[in-house]
Amino acid sequence: MINIITTNKVRIGIIGSGGIAQAHARSYMQMPEVEIIAVADVIQGKAAEFIERLGLTDAKAFDSHLELLELDLDGVSVCTPNVAHHRTSVDALNAGKHVLVEKPLAVTLEQGVEMVQAGKKADKILTVGFQPRYDPNMQAVKQIVQSGQLGNVYYVQTGGGRRRGMPGGTFINKELAGAGAMADIGCYSLDLALNALGYPKPLSVSAFTSNHFGTSPTYHPQAERFEVEDFGVALVRLEGGKVLNFKISWAMHMDSLGPTLFLGTDAGLKLTPAGSGPWSGVWDGGIGSITLFHDIQGHHTESPIPVQQHNLNIFYEKVRDFVVAIKEGKSAPIPGEEILINQAIIDGILRSSELGREVEIEIPEV
C-alpha cells in the first residue's frame, strides 16, 4: 500500500538540469505544498547553476544522483537524457522514492521491464510524463471510443510528421536515445491510440524505418553523427482482432502524414492535430478537430465534435497529478506497466526494420 503523505510539504528532487528539468521545476514552484530539496546533474557545476538560475536558494546541488537519493525525499523527477532514465529511476525506486520519469520510459524493453519491476517491489509510484493525456480533447476521444459509439474498433491509423523537425545532440545518438522519431514523438501518437483502446497487448509488428534526411548534410548539420531513424511506418497486430497502422516522421517533403482514424463497425472517428507549419502534425500539440462519421439508412453523415478550448497548462497538470498521487496515496497517474506496452511496440518496430520481416512482440510478466 502506498503511504499517504501527512506532512505539510512534499519533498522533491530533480535529476537532470536541462530544459525539461526546468519545466518540471517551474511546475513544482507553483505548488505551495511542494519543496524542491535538491537537484543532481552528472556534469559538474550544472546543478548549482540550475538552482541559482531558478532561485531555488534552499535546494542542494549534487553531481551524483545517488547522493541526492540519500536525502529524505518523497519523490523525484527524472529529467535526464533517455539513456539514463533506467538507471536513475531504478535507483530512486530502490531508495524508496516515488518517480515521475520523462518519456520515453527507457531505451530498451528490458530496461523498461526492470523499471516496472523495481516500482512494484518497492511499492512506489512509477509514472511516465505523457502530458497530452491531460488535454480535455484527448480525454474526449477516449470517452467516445470506450463508450461503444463506434462499435467494435478494428482499425486505427495514427502517427504524424513534422516537415522540418529534426533535433540534434543526444536525440540522434543511438546509444543515448535508443530510437529517433519513434521514441521522441512517436510515443505520443502510440499513447493516443492505445490509451483510447484501453491499452490492448501487441502481438506482432512489420515495420520499415529510414534516416534519409538525418544522414544528409543538406538537411542536418550533424549528419555525420546521425544514428537513429527519422521516419518509420509499421503495421501492428493487437489482441482482440485489431490492427494499428503507425507512421511517424521528423522530416519529409510533405505537409502531413494524415489524420488519426478509428474505424469501428458502427461509426468512425477522425482526428486532426492542432497547429500549422513545419512543427505541426504530432500529438504533443493537441487536437485541432474531431469528426464522427456514420451512416444512417445508407446516407453518409458527418458530425463535427466541438473541440474544447481550454487554458490548461497540461505540462503543469501532469506534474501536479504526480504530487497529488504522492500526497493522497494514489496509484501512478500514467502507470509504467501501460507504457511498457508502448516501449514494446517501439522495440518491435526497430527489430522488424532491422530484420526486414514481421516479428512477434513478447512482454515479460512483471
Protein backbone atom coordinates (compact mmCIF):
# COMPACT_ATOMS: atom_id res chain seq x y z
CA MET A 1 0.00 0.00 0.00
CA ILE A 2 1.37 3.43 -0.99
CA ASN A 3 1.76 5.64 2.06
CA ILE A 4 -0.20 8.89 2.33
CA ILE A 5 1.90 11.99 2.97
CA THR A 6 0.69 13.73 6.14
CA THR A 7 3.39 16.38 6.48
CA ASN A 8 2.93 19.90 5.13
CA LYS A 9 5.42 19.66 2.27
CA VAL A 10 6.05 17.10 -0.46
CA ARG A 11 9.82 16.92 -0.76
CA ILE A 12 11.04 16.61 -4.35
CA GLY A 13 14.41 16.02 -6.01
CA ILE A 14 15.14 16.64 -9.69
CA ILE A 15 17.67 14.51 -11.58
CA GLY A 16 18.94 16.31 -14.66
CA SER A 17 19.12 20.07 -15.21
CA GLY A 18 18.27 20.67 -18.85
CA GLY A 19 15.25 22.33 -20.43
CA ILE A 20 12.77 19.63 -19.44
CA ALA A 21 14.02 19.76 -15.84
CA GLN A 22 13.33 23.48 -15.84
CA ALA A 23 9.74 22.82 -16.93
CA HIS A 24 9.35 20.37 -14.04
CA ALA A 25 10.88 22.78 -11.55
CA ARG A 26 8.68 25.69 -12.63
CA SER A 27 5.62 23.46 -12.27
CA TYR A 28 6.62 22.39 -8.76
CA MET A 29 7.35 26.01 -7.85
CA GLN A 30 3.69 26.86 -8.49
CA MET A 31 2.59 24.40 -5.77
CA PRO A 32 2.84 25.79 -2.23
CA GLU A 33 2.77 22.30 -0.74
CA VAL A 34 5.91 21.24 -2.66
CA GLU A 35 9.53 21.89 -1.71
CA ILE A 36 12.35 21.23 -4.19
CA ILE A 37 15.05 19.84 -1.93
CA ALA A 38 17.84 19.04 -4.38
CA VAL A 39 18.99 18.88 -8.00
CA ALA A 40 21.58 16.49 -9.43
CA ASP A 41 23.43 16.50 -12.75
CA VAL A 42 26.45 14.44 -13.80
CA ILE A 43 28.09 17.47 -15.39
CA GLN A 44 29.95 19.22 -12.61
CA GLY A 45 28.51 22.60 -11.69
CA LYS A 46 25.34 22.32 -13.80
CA ALA A 47 23.04 21.53 -10.89
CA ALA A 48 24.34 24.53 -8.94
CA GLU A 49 23.83 26.79 -11.97
CA PHE A 50 20.30 25.46 -12.36
CA ILE A 51 19.49 26.16 -8.71
CA GLU A 52 20.85 29.70 -8.96
CA ARG A 53 19.07 30.43 -12.24
CA LEU A 54 15.68 29.38 -10.86
CA GLY A 55 16.19 30.96 -7.45
CA LEU A 56 15.95 27.69 -5.53
CA THR A 57 18.04 29.10 -2.71
CA ASP A 58 17.32 26.29 -0.23
CA ALA A 59 17.99 23.42 -2.65
CA LYS A 60 21.20 21.39 -2.58
CA ALA A 61 23.26 20.63 -5.69
CA PHE A 62 24.86 17.25 -6.42
CA ASP A 63 26.98 15.79 -9.21
CA SER A 64 25.64 12.30 -8.45
CA HIS A 65 22.00 11.22 -8.32
CA LEU A 66 22.98 8.62 -5.71
CA GLU A 67 23.94 11.40 -3.28
CA LEU A 68 20.62 13.13 -3.95
CA LEU A 69 18.77 9.88 -3.21
CA GLU A 70 20.34 9.70 0.24
CA LEU A 71 18.17 12.67 1.25
CA ASP A 72 14.72 12.41 2.84
CA LEU A 73 12.65 12.82 -0.35
CA ASP A 74 9.11 11.80 -1.22
CA GLY A 75 9.58 11.79 -4.98
CA VAL A 76 11.92 12.60 -7.85
CA SER A 77 11.54 13.83 -11.40
CA VAL A 78 13.88 12.02 -13.78
CA CYS A 79 14.76 14.56 -16.48
CA THR A 80 17.94 13.05 -17.90
CA PRO A 81 18.75 12.02 -21.48
CA ASN A 82 16.91 8.81 -22.44
CA VAL A 83 19.88 6.55 -21.74
CA ALA A 84 19.84 7.46 -18.04
CA HIS A 85 16.09 7.04 -17.44
CA HIS A 86 16.54 3.39 -16.49
CA ARG A 87 19.40 3.56 -14.01
CA THR A 88 18.26 6.72 -12.21
CA SER A 89 14.65 5.53 -11.94
CA VAL A 90 15.60 2.08 -10.62
CA ASP A 91 18.00 3.62 -8.10
CA ALA A 92 15.30 6.08 -6.97
CA LEU A 93 12.66 3.37 -6.57
CA ASN A 94 15.12 1.15 -4.70
CA ALA A 95 15.80 4.10 -2.41
CA GLY A 96 12.09 4.32 -1.61
CA LYS A 97 11.22 7.39 -3.70
CA HIS A 98 8.23 7.83 -5.99
CA VAL A 99 9.29 8.51 -9.60
CA LEU A 100 7.99 10.69 -12.43
CA VAL A 101 10.16 9.82 -15.43
CA GLU A 102 10.07 11.78 -18.66
CA LYS A 103 9.19 9.98 -21.88
CA PRO A 104 10.22 7.65 -23.35
CA LEU A 105 10.15 5.17 -20.49
CA ALA A 106 13.58 3.75 -21.37
CA VAL A 107 15.97 2.94 -24.22
CA THR A 108 15.19 -0.79 -24.38
CA LEU A 109 12.26 -3.02 -23.47
CA GLU A 110 14.45 -4.91 -20.97
CA GLN A 111 15.23 -1.66 -19.16
CA GLY A 112 11.54 -0.77 -19.02
CA VAL A 113 10.70 -4.16 -17.54
CA GLU A 114 13.32 -3.71 -14.82
CA MET A 115 11.94 -0.25 -14.00
CA VAL A 116 8.39 -1.55 -13.62
CA GLN A 117 9.60 -4.47 -11.51
CA ALA A 118 11.54 -2.08 -9.26
CA GLY A 119 8.42 0.04 -8.75
CA LYS A 120 6.34 -2.98 -7.79
CA LYS A 121 8.98 -4.35 -5.45
CA ALA A 122 9.35 -1.00 -3.69
CA ASP A 123 5.57 -0.36 -3.75
CA LYS A 124 6.29 3.10 -5.14
CA ILE A 125 4.82 5.11 -7.99
CA LEU A 126 6.46 4.88 -11.40
CA THR A 127 4.60 7.30 -13.67
CA VAL A 128 5.59 8.47 -17.16
CA GLY A 129 5.44 12.05 -18.43
CA PHE A 130 2.84 11.96 -21.22
CA GLN A 131 1.24 15.38 -20.76
CA PRO A 132 -1.15 15.07 -23.76
CA ARG A 133 -3.22 12.74 -21.52
CA TYR A 134 -4.38 15.93 -19.77
CA ASP A 135 -5.72 17.59 -22.92
CA PRO A 136 -9.54 17.53 -22.49
CA ASN A 137 -9.89 16.65 -26.18
CA MET A 138 -7.65 13.61 -25.75
CA GLN A 139 -9.89 12.60 -22.86
CA ALA A 140 -12.98 13.16 -25.02
CA VAL A 141 -11.59 10.83 -27.68
CA LYS A 142 -11.05 8.07 -25.11
CA GLN A 143 -14.58 8.56 -23.79
CA ILE A 144 -16.08 8.24 -27.28
CA VAL A 145 -14.08 5.09 -28.10
CA GLN A 146 -14.71 3.47 -24.69
CA SER A 147 -18.44 4.35 -24.77
CA GLY A 148 -19.05 1.90 -27.60
CA GLN A 149 -20.38 4.54 -30.02
CA LEU A 150 -18.02 3.25 -32.69
CA GLY A 151 -18.94 -0.38 -32.16
CA ASN A 152 -16.05 -2.81 -32.48
CA VAL A 153 -12.95 -0.78 -33.36
CA TYR A 154 -11.00 -2.97 -35.75
CA TYR A 155 -8.52 -0.50 -37.32
CA VAL A 156 -6.60 2.51 -36.04
CA GLN A 157 -4.31 4.78 -38.01
CA THR A 158 -2.14 7.15 -36.03
CA GLY A 159 1.17 8.97 -36.10
CA GLY A 160 2.21 12.25 -37.56
CA GLY A 161 5.04 14.15 -39.09
CA ARG A 162 7.00 17.33 -38.86
CA ARG A 163 8.17 18.77 -42.13
CA ARG A 164 11.35 20.15 -40.56
CA GLY A 165 11.59 18.94 -37.00
CA MET A 166 14.85 17.07 -36.55
CA PRO A 167 16.63 17.62 -33.23
CA GLY A 168 20.33 17.09 -32.59
CA GLY A 169 22.59 16.27 -29.66
CA THR A 170 21.57 13.29 -27.54
CA PHE A 171 18.41 12.71 -29.61
CA ILE A 172 20.35 11.43 -32.63
CA ASN A 173 22.80 9.15 -30.82
CA LYS A 174 21.64 5.51 -30.81
CA GLU A 175 23.33 4.61 -27.54
CA LEU A 176 21.95 7.64 -25.70
CA ALA A 177 18.45 7.85 -27.21
CA GLY A 178 17.68 4.24 -28.17
CA ALA A 179 15.48 5.38 -31.05
CA GLY A 180 14.83 8.54 -33.04
CA ALA A 181 11.47 9.87 -34.17
CA MET A 182 9.77 6.73 -32.86
CA ALA A 183 10.71 7.43 -29.24
CA ASP A 184 10.72 11.22 -29.44
CA ILE A 185 7.30 11.99 -30.91
CA GLY A 186 6.01 8.57 -31.94
CA CYS A 187 5.41 7.56 -28.33
CA TYR A 188 2.79 10.32 -28.05
CA SER A 189 0.87 9.02 -31.06
CA LEU A 190 1.02 5.47 -29.78
CA ASP A 191 -0.29 6.57 -26.39
CA LEU A 192 -3.16 8.48 -28.00
CA ALA A 193 -4.33 5.36 -29.85
CA LEU A 194 -3.55 2.70 -27.24
CA ASN A 195 -4.96 4.67 -24.30
CA ALA A 196 -8.24 5.21 -26.18
CA LEU A 197 -8.43 1.46 -26.87
CA GLY A 198 -7.63 0.51 -23.26
CA TYR A 199 -4.01 -0.47 -23.97
CA PRO A 200 -4.52 -3.85 -25.70
CA LYS A 201 -1.43 -6.04 -25.90
CA PRO A 202 0.50 -6.04 -29.18
CA LEU A 203 1.07 -9.41 -30.86
CA SER A 204 3.33 -8.71 -33.85
CA VAL A 205 4.71 -5.90 -35.98
CA SER A 206 6.00 -5.46 -39.52
CA ALA A 207 7.93 -2.23 -39.93
CA PHE A 208 10.19 -0.09 -42.08
CA THR A 209 12.39 2.78 -40.90
CA SER A 210 14.84 5.12 -42.62
CA ASN A 211 17.03 8.16 -41.96
CA HIS A 212 17.50 9.70 -45.40
CA PHE A 213 17.25 13.25 -44.11
CA GLY A 214 19.18 12.99 -40.86
CA THR A 215 22.22 11.47 -42.55
CA SER A 216 22.28 14.07 -45.34
CA PRO A 217 24.41 17.22 -44.79
CA THR A 218 21.86 19.03 -46.96
CA TYR A 219 19.23 18.58 -44.27
CA HIS A 220 21.04 18.13 -40.97
CA PRO A 221 24.11 19.97 -39.59
CA GLN A 222 25.18 16.88 -37.58
CA ALA A 223 24.67 14.36 -40.40
CA GLU A 224 27.93 12.54 -39.68
CA ARG A 225 26.70 11.80 -36.12
CA PHE A 226 23.11 10.84 -37.03
CA GLU A 227 22.47 7.20 -36.00
CA VAL A 228 18.71 6.87 -35.47
CA GLU A 229 15.60 6.76 -37.66
CA ASP A 230 13.89 9.96 -38.83
CA PHE A 231 10.97 8.09 -40.45
CA GLY A 232 9.10 4.90 -39.70
CA VAL A 233 5.93 3.04 -40.61
CA ALA A 234 4.53 -0.11 -39.03
CA LEU A 235 1.55 -2.44 -39.07
CA VAL A 236 0.95 -3.68 -35.53
CA ARG A 237 -1.43 -6.55 -34.79
CA LEU A 238 -3.20 -6.14 -31.44
CA GLU A 239 -5.14 -8.61 -29.32
CA GLY A 240 -8.89 -8.67 -29.96
CA GLY A 241 -8.58 -8.74 -33.74
CA LYS A 242 -7.44 -5.12 -34.02
CA VAL A 243 -4.71 -3.64 -36.18
CA LEU A 244 -2.75 -0.40 -35.80
CA ASN A 245 -1.20 1.45 -38.74
CA PHE A 246 1.52 3.66 -37.21
CA LYS A 247 3.68 6.21 -39.02
CA ILE A 248 5.97 8.97 -37.84
CA SER A 249 8.49 11.39 -39.31
CA TRP A 250 10.86 14.12 -38.18
CA ALA A 251 11.30 15.45 -41.72
CA MET A 252 9.61 14.91 -45.08
CA HIS A 253 8.69 16.51 -48.37
CA MET A 254 5.01 16.61 -47.38
CA ASP A 255 2.69 18.68 -45.23
CA SER A 256 1.13 15.79 -43.32
CA LEU A 257 1.06 12.02 -42.89
CA GLY A 258 -2.68 12.22 -42.49
CA PRO A 259 -5.14 12.24 -39.59
CA THR A 260 -5.63 9.72 -36.82
CA LEU A 261 -8.52 7.37 -37.63
CA PHE A 262 -10.55 4.96 -35.52
CA LEU A 263 -12.66 2.67 -37.73
CA GLY A 264 -15.46 0.85 -35.96
CA THR A 265 -18.31 -1.40 -37.05
CA ASP A 266 -20.89 1.29 -36.16
CA ALA A 267 -19.01 4.57 -36.76
CA GLY A 268 -15.61 6.09 -37.41
CA LEU A 269 -13.65 8.87 -35.73
CA LYS A 270 -11.19 11.23 -37.42
CA LEU A 271 -8.78 13.49 -35.51
CA THR A 272 -6.55 16.21 -36.90
CA PRO A 273 -3.76 17.74 -34.81
CA ALA A 274 -3.70 21.37 -33.81
CA GLY A 275 -1.27 23.90 -35.24
CA SER A 276 0.25 24.62 -38.62
CA GLY A 277 3.70 24.96 -40.15
CA PRO A 278 6.81 22.74 -40.07
CA TRP A 279 6.35 21.65 -36.45
CA SER A 280 2.66 20.72 -36.59
CA GLY A 281 1.19 17.28 -37.11
CA VAL A 282 2.24 15.49 -33.92
CA TRP A 283 0.15 14.84 -30.88
CA ASP A 284 2.25 16.68 -28.34
CA GLY A 285 0.50 19.78 -29.73
CA GLY A 286 -3.12 18.82 -29.07
CA ILE A 287 -6.18 18.15 -31.21
CA GLY A 288 -7.44 20.55 -33.87
CA SER A 289 -10.68 18.80 -34.88
CA ILE A 290 -12.72 15.70 -34.05
CA THR A 291 -15.29 14.34 -36.50
CA LEU A 292 -17.64 11.36 -36.11
CA PHE A 293 -18.51 9.57 -39.36
CA HIS A 294 -21.54 7.31 -39.57
CA ASP A 295 -24.25 6.10 -41.92
CA ILE A 296 -27.97 6.23 -41.31
CA GLN A 297 -30.08 4.22 -43.77
CA GLY A 298 -27.30 4.33 -46.33
CA HIS A 299 -26.78 8.11 -46.24
CA HIS A 300 -23.26 9.16 -45.28
CA THR A 301 -23.21 11.73 -42.47
CA GLU A 302 -20.58 13.64 -40.55
CA SER A 303 -20.89 15.05 -37.04
CA PRO A 304 -18.16 17.52 -36.06
CA ILE A 305 -17.49 17.37 -32.32
CA PRO A 306 -16.68 20.75 -30.77
CA VAL A 307 -13.03 20.92 -29.78
CA GLN A 308 -12.80 22.17 -26.23
CA GLN A 309 -10.94 25.42 -25.80
CA HIS A 310 -9.08 25.44 -22.52
CA ASN A 311 -6.40 27.33 -20.67
CA LEU A 312 -4.89 24.29 -19.02
CA ASN A 313 -1.14 24.04 -18.82
CA ILE A 314 -1.10 20.31 -19.49
CA PHE A 315 2.58 20.00 -18.54
CA TYR A 316 1.77 21.50 -15.13
CA GLU A 317 -1.20 19.16 -14.83
CA LYS A 318 0.93 16.03 -15.25
CA VAL A 319 3.40 17.21 -12.59
CA ARG A 320 0.52 18.22 -10.34
CA ASP A 321 -1.09 14.79 -10.73
CA PHE A 322 2.17 13.17 -9.57
CA VAL A 323 2.20 15.33 -6.44
CA VAL A 324 -1.47 14.58 -5.70
CA ALA A 325 -0.82 10.85 -6.08
CA ILE A 326 2.06 11.09 -3.59
CA LYS A 327 0.05 13.14 -1.07
CA GLU A 328 -3.09 11.02 -1.25
CA GLY A 329 -1.52 7.59 -1.63
CA LYS A 330 -2.98 7.06 -5.10
CA SER A 331 -1.62 4.80 -7.81
CA ALA A 332 0.55 6.06 -10.67
CA PRO A 333 -1.36 8.53 -12.90
CA ILE A 334 0.24 7.08 -16.07
CA PRO A 335 1.49 3.66 -14.94
CA GLY A 336 4.80 2.31 -16.15
CA GLU A 337 3.04 -1.02 -16.83
CA GLU A 338 0.95 0.65 -19.56
CA ILE A 339 3.85 2.48 -21.15
CA LEU A 340 5.81 -0.78 -21.19
CA ILE A 341 3.42 -1.79 -24.00
CA ASN A 342 4.31 1.43 -25.83
CA GLN A 343 8.00 0.60 -25.36
CA ALA A 344 7.50 -2.97 -26.58
CA ILE A 345 5.96 -1.74 -29.83
CA ILE A 346 8.85 0.65 -30.49
CA ASP A 347 11.28 -2.17 -29.70
CA GLY A 348 9.43 -4.46 -32.12
CA ILE A 349 9.43 -1.81 -34.85
CA LEU A 350 13.20 -1.42 -34.65
CA ARG A 351 13.75 -5.21 -34.65
CA SER A 352 11.39 -5.71 -37.58
CA SER A 353 13.02 -2.95 -39.59
CA GLU A 354 16.50 -4.35 -38.98
CA LEU A 355 15.46 -7.90 -39.92
CA GLY A 356 13.24 -6.87 -42.82
CA ARG A 357 10.33 -9.05 -41.71
CA GLU A 358 7.43 -9.32 -39.28
CA VAL A 359 8.39 -10.10 -35.68
CA GLU A 360 6.41 -11.21 -32.64
CA ILE A 361 6.12 -8.93 -29.63
CA GLU A 362 6.52 -10.55 -26.25
CA ILE A 363 6.23 -8.60 -23.00
CA PRO A 364 7.65 -10.39 -19.95
CA GLU A 365 5.40 -10.79 -16.93
CA VAL A 366 6.02 -8.06 -14.37
